Structure formats: C-alpha cells, structure tokens
N, C-alpha and C. Protein backbone atom coordinates (compact mmCIF):
# COMPACT_ATOMS: atom_id res chain seq x y z
N MET A 1 4.16 118.47 87.70
CA MET A 1 5.78 117.41 88.18
C MET A 1 6.33 118.47 89.35
N ARG A 2 7.03 117.74 90.05
CA ARG A 2 8.26 118.90 90.53
C ARG A 2 9.52 118.25 89.87
N ARG A 3 10.40 119.98 89.39
CA ARG A 3 11.79 119.49 89.20
C ARG A 3 12.72 119.15 90.17
N ALA A 4 14.14 118.56 89.79
CA ALA A 4 14.99 118.16 91.00
C ALA A 4 15.88 119.31 91.13
N MET A 5 15.83 119.25 92.52
CA MET A 5 17.11 120.77 92.44
C MET A 5 18.60 120.75 91.14
N MET A 6 18.62 122.22 92.12
CA MET A 6 19.71 122.42 90.45
C MET A 6 20.84 122.30 91.45
N THR A 7 21.91 121.58 90.71
CA THR A 7 23.19 122.09 91.50
C THR A 7 23.63 123.52 90.97
N LEU A 8 25.25 123.50 91.27
CA LEU A 8 25.63 125.21 91.08
C LEU A 8 26.61 125.16 89.32
N ARG A 9 26.73 123.47 89.44
CA ARG A 9 27.36 122.89 87.64
C ARG A 9 25.59 123.03 87.21
N ASP A 10 24.69 122.93 87.15
CA ASP A 10 23.60 123.11 86.31
C ASP A 10 22.73 124.64 86.53
N HIS A 11 23.09 125.31 87.65
CA HIS A 11 22.96 126.64 86.60
C HIS A 11 24.68 127.12 86.16
N GLU A 12 25.54 126.78 86.15
CA GLU A 12 26.58 127.18 85.51
C GLU A 12 26.62 126.98 84.40
N GLU A 13 25.61 125.78 83.54
CA GLU A 13 26.06 125.44 82.07
C GLU A 13 24.36 126.08 81.83
N ILE A 14 23.69 125.83 82.12
CA ILE A 14 22.25 127.21 82.16
C ILE A 14 22.80 128.39 81.48
N ASP A 15 23.86 129.14 82.54
CA ASP A 15 24.44 130.62 81.55
C ASP A 15 25.54 130.31 80.88
N ARG A 16 25.69 129.20 81.11
CA ARG A 16 27.41 129.45 79.12
C ARG A 16 25.29 129.19 78.24
N LEU A 17 24.59 128.39 78.06
CA LEU A 17 24.36 128.26 77.21
C LEU A 17 23.57 129.44 76.52
N VAL A 18 23.07 129.68 77.96
CA VAL A 18 22.04 130.67 77.42
C VAL A 18 23.34 132.51 76.92
N TYR A 19 24.54 132.53 77.38
CA TYR A 19 25.08 133.68 77.14
C TYR A 19 25.30 133.67 75.49
N HIS A 20 25.12 131.99 74.91
CA HIS A 20 25.85 132.17 74.10
C HIS A 20 24.11 131.64 72.86
N MET A 21 23.69 132.07 73.09
CA MET A 21 22.47 131.86 72.47
C MET A 21 21.65 133.50 71.64
N PRO A 22 22.41 134.50 71.60
CA PRO A 22 22.63 135.25 70.46
C PRO A 22 23.88 135.30 69.41
N THR A 23 24.58 134.25 69.98
CA THR A 23 25.32 133.89 68.34
C THR A 23 24.20 133.13 67.52
N VAL A 24 23.74 132.32 68.83
CA VAL A 24 23.24 131.02 67.74
C VAL A 24 21.92 132.01 66.76
N ALA A 25 20.79 132.95 67.75
CA ALA A 25 19.62 133.60 67.09
C ALA A 25 21.02 133.55 65.95
N THR A 26 22.06 134.96 66.28
CA THR A 26 22.50 135.19 64.68
C THR A 26 23.41 134.43 63.44
N HIS A 27 23.27 132.96 64.17
CA HIS A 27 23.76 131.94 63.05
C HIS A 27 23.10 130.96 62.36
N ALA A 28 21.64 131.11 63.08
CA ALA A 28 21.32 129.75 62.96
C ALA A 28 20.27 130.52 61.15
N THR A 29 20.37 129.22 60.79
CA THR A 29 19.95 128.64 59.46
C THR A 29 17.70 128.46 59.18
N ASN A 30 17.73 128.61 59.97
CA ASN A 30 16.06 128.67 60.06
C ASN A 30 15.40 129.52 61.38
N ASN A 31 14.23 130.40 61.22
CA ASN A 31 13.21 130.79 61.38
C ASN A 31 13.06 129.69 62.70
N TRP A 32 13.05 129.27 62.84
CA TRP A 32 12.53 128.66 63.48
C TRP A 32 13.60 128.56 64.62
N ALA A 33 14.70 128.46 64.46
CA ALA A 33 15.44 128.49 65.76
C ALA A 33 16.01 129.63 65.61
N VAL A 34 15.88 130.68 65.55
CA VAL A 34 16.44 132.17 65.54
C VAL A 34 14.92 132.52 66.93
N GLY A 35 14.17 132.18 66.32
CA GLY A 35 13.13 132.21 67.95
C GLY A 35 13.45 131.97 69.23
N PHE A 36 13.32 130.80 68.94
CA PHE A 36 14.03 129.45 69.85
C PHE A 36 14.45 129.86 70.99
N ALA A 37 15.60 130.34 70.38
CA ALA A 37 17.24 131.75 70.68
C ALA A 37 16.39 132.36 71.88
N ARG A 38 15.66 134.10 70.25
CA ARG A 38 15.35 135.18 71.04
C ARG A 38 14.33 134.91 72.07
N SER A 39 13.37 133.61 72.59
CA SER A 39 13.57 133.01 73.46
C SER A 39 12.91 132.76 74.65
N ILE A 40 14.30 131.97 74.65
CA ILE A 40 15.33 131.42 75.47
C ILE A 40 15.73 133.12 76.34
N GLN A 41 15.85 133.68 75.23
CA GLN A 41 17.30 134.89 76.20
C GLN A 41 15.69 135.88 77.03
N ARG A 42 14.83 135.86 76.92
CA ARG A 42 13.89 136.72 77.34
C ARG A 42 13.21 135.78 78.39
N GLN A 43 13.58 134.60 78.67
CA GLN A 43 12.47 133.94 79.53
C GLN A 43 14.00 133.68 80.12
N ALA A 44 14.99 134.02 80.02
CA ALA A 44 15.90 133.59 80.79
C ALA A 44 15.87 135.13 81.72
N GLN A 45 15.81 136.50 81.59
CA GLN A 45 15.51 137.28 81.91
C GLN A 45 14.31 137.36 83.21
N ARG A 46 13.64 136.62 83.94
CA ARG A 46 13.37 136.07 84.52
C ARG A 46 13.52 135.68 85.85
N ARG A 47 13.40 136.22 86.99
CA ARG A 47 13.67 135.74 87.95
C ARG A 47 13.72 134.12 87.98
N ASN A 48 14.36 133.91 88.87
CA ASN A 48 14.28 130.99 88.75
C ASN A 48 13.55 131.10 88.03
N TRP A 49 14.26 131.57 86.95
CA TRP A 49 13.89 130.88 85.46
C TRP A 49 14.23 129.99 85.30
N THR A 50 14.26 128.62 84.45
CA THR A 50 14.81 127.19 84.02
C THR A 50 13.93 127.14 83.74
N PRO A 51 15.15 126.79 82.40
CA PRO A 51 14.84 125.76 81.42
C PRO A 51 13.92 124.93 82.13
N SER A 52 12.14 124.13 81.03
CA SER A 52 12.28 122.35 80.93
C SER A 52 14.14 120.99 80.27
N GLN A 53 13.73 120.12 81.04
CA GLN A 53 14.10 119.70 79.06
C GLN A 53 14.16 119.38 78.91
N LYS A 54 13.45 119.79 78.19
CA LYS A 54 12.98 119.64 76.55
C LYS A 54 13.94 120.82 76.00
N GLN A 55 13.72 122.40 76.20
CA GLN A 55 14.49 123.37 75.68
C GLN A 55 16.30 123.61 76.56
N LEU A 56 16.17 122.48 77.59
CA LEU A 56 17.48 122.71 77.91
C LEU A 56 17.94 121.93 76.62
N ASN A 57 17.67 120.21 76.29
CA ASN A 57 18.14 119.43 74.91
C ASN A 57 18.55 119.99 74.53
N LEU A 58 17.17 120.95 73.52
CA LEU A 58 17.19 121.75 72.46
C LEU A 58 18.97 123.57 72.75
N MET A 59 19.04 123.90 73.95
CA MET A 59 19.94 124.46 74.29
C MET A 59 21.43 123.91 73.78
N ARG A 60 20.98 122.59 73.91
CA ARG A 60 22.99 121.68 74.04
C ARG A 60 22.93 121.54 73.03
N SER A 61 22.12 121.02 72.36
CA SER A 61 21.89 120.42 70.44
C SER A 61 22.91 121.63 69.62
N LEU A 62 21.69 122.94 69.95
CA LEU A 62 22.33 124.62 68.95
C LEU A 62 23.10 124.58 69.27
N VAL A 63 24.19 125.26 70.79
CA VAL A 63 25.16 125.14 70.59
C VAL A 63 25.96 124.52 70.74
N SER A 64 25.72 123.15 70.01
CA SER A 64 26.82 121.86 70.03
C SER A 64 26.91 122.30 68.40
N ASP A 65 25.85 122.39 68.13
CA ASP A 65 25.53 122.77 66.25
C ASP A 65 26.49 123.51 65.59
N LEU A 66 26.39 124.75 67.25
CA LEU A 66 27.68 126.46 65.93
C LEU A 66 28.51 125.95 66.56
N PHE A 67 29.42 124.94 67.61
CA PHE A 67 30.77 125.37 67.16
C PHE A 67 30.88 124.23 66.62
N ALA A 68 30.49 122.85 66.89
CA ALA A 68 30.75 122.03 65.26
C ALA A 68 31.10 122.82 64.37
N HIS A 69 29.78 123.66 63.54
CA HIS A 69 30.38 124.50 62.54
C HIS A 69 30.79 125.80 62.20
N GLU A 70 31.30 126.14 63.31
CA GLU A 70 31.75 127.39 63.76
C GLU A 70 33.58 126.29 63.46
N GLY A 71 33.87 125.93 63.92
CA GLY A 71 35.40 125.34 63.85
C GLY A 71 35.70 124.71 62.99
N ASN A 72 34.56 124.74 61.47
CA ASN A 72 34.77 124.00 60.48
C ASN A 72 35.46 124.96 59.15
N GLU A 73 35.03 125.57 60.04
CA GLU A 73 35.69 127.18 58.59
C GLU A 73 36.74 127.64 58.25
N GLY A 74 37.83 127.17 59.86
CA GLY A 74 39.60 128.01 59.51
C GLY A 74 39.28 126.08 58.51
N GLY A 75 39.11 125.81 58.80
CA GLY A 75 40.30 124.15 57.06
C GLY A 75 41.06 123.23 58.40
N ASP A 76 41.59 122.99 57.39
CA ASP A 76 42.52 122.42 58.36
C ASP A 76 44.00 123.42 59.27
N PHE A 77 44.37 122.06 60.23
CA PHE A 77 45.17 123.23 61.43
C PHE A 77 46.73 121.89 61.24
N ASP A 78 47.23 122.27 60.89
CA ASP A 78 48.17 122.29 61.94
C ASP A 78 48.62 121.45 63.13
N VAL A 79 48.95 120.32 64.14
CA VAL A 79 48.72 119.99 65.32
C VAL A 79 50.47 120.10 65.88
N VAL A 80 50.37 120.96 66.65
CA VAL A 80 51.66 121.33 67.27
C VAL A 80 52.45 120.78 68.58
N GLU A 81 52.77 119.19 68.28
CA GLU A 81 53.59 118.53 69.37
C GLU A 81 54.53 119.01 70.78
C-alpha cells in the first residue's frame, strides 16, 4: 500500500509528537506506553521514517492524554479578563 504524500504540516505534527515522546515515556502509567514511546524515539532517528497511521493515532492519543492529565495537576485557576 502506498502512503499519501506528506505535507509540511504533517511533518511538523510528527516532529511535535516525537518531541513529546520522552515525556510520554517518563509519565506513562503502564509498560506498554513506555515501550511504545521509546520505540518511536528510536525509529524517528531513521532517515525518511514516517509513522504508520496506527502509530500516528497512538502518538496523538498519548500526547493528548499527557496534556490532559498535566493540566489537572495545577488545580483550579482564575481567569483574567
């Protein structure tokens, strides 16, 4: 199966997701997520590597969860108008 041509925006998203993989590995709550994040870090070092659609979806989910849980640690905050 051929992959669709990736745009600059796609590459930027992948770079951003890969950037957060070490933090995902550090804060992961299970061994599978730690292993996945570390595996992505290793694979991302290969020239011309792009994640599969399944890997990309998992990366998005893990990074999203990271920020969702990270934001809850600070508790309530006051909105400045």
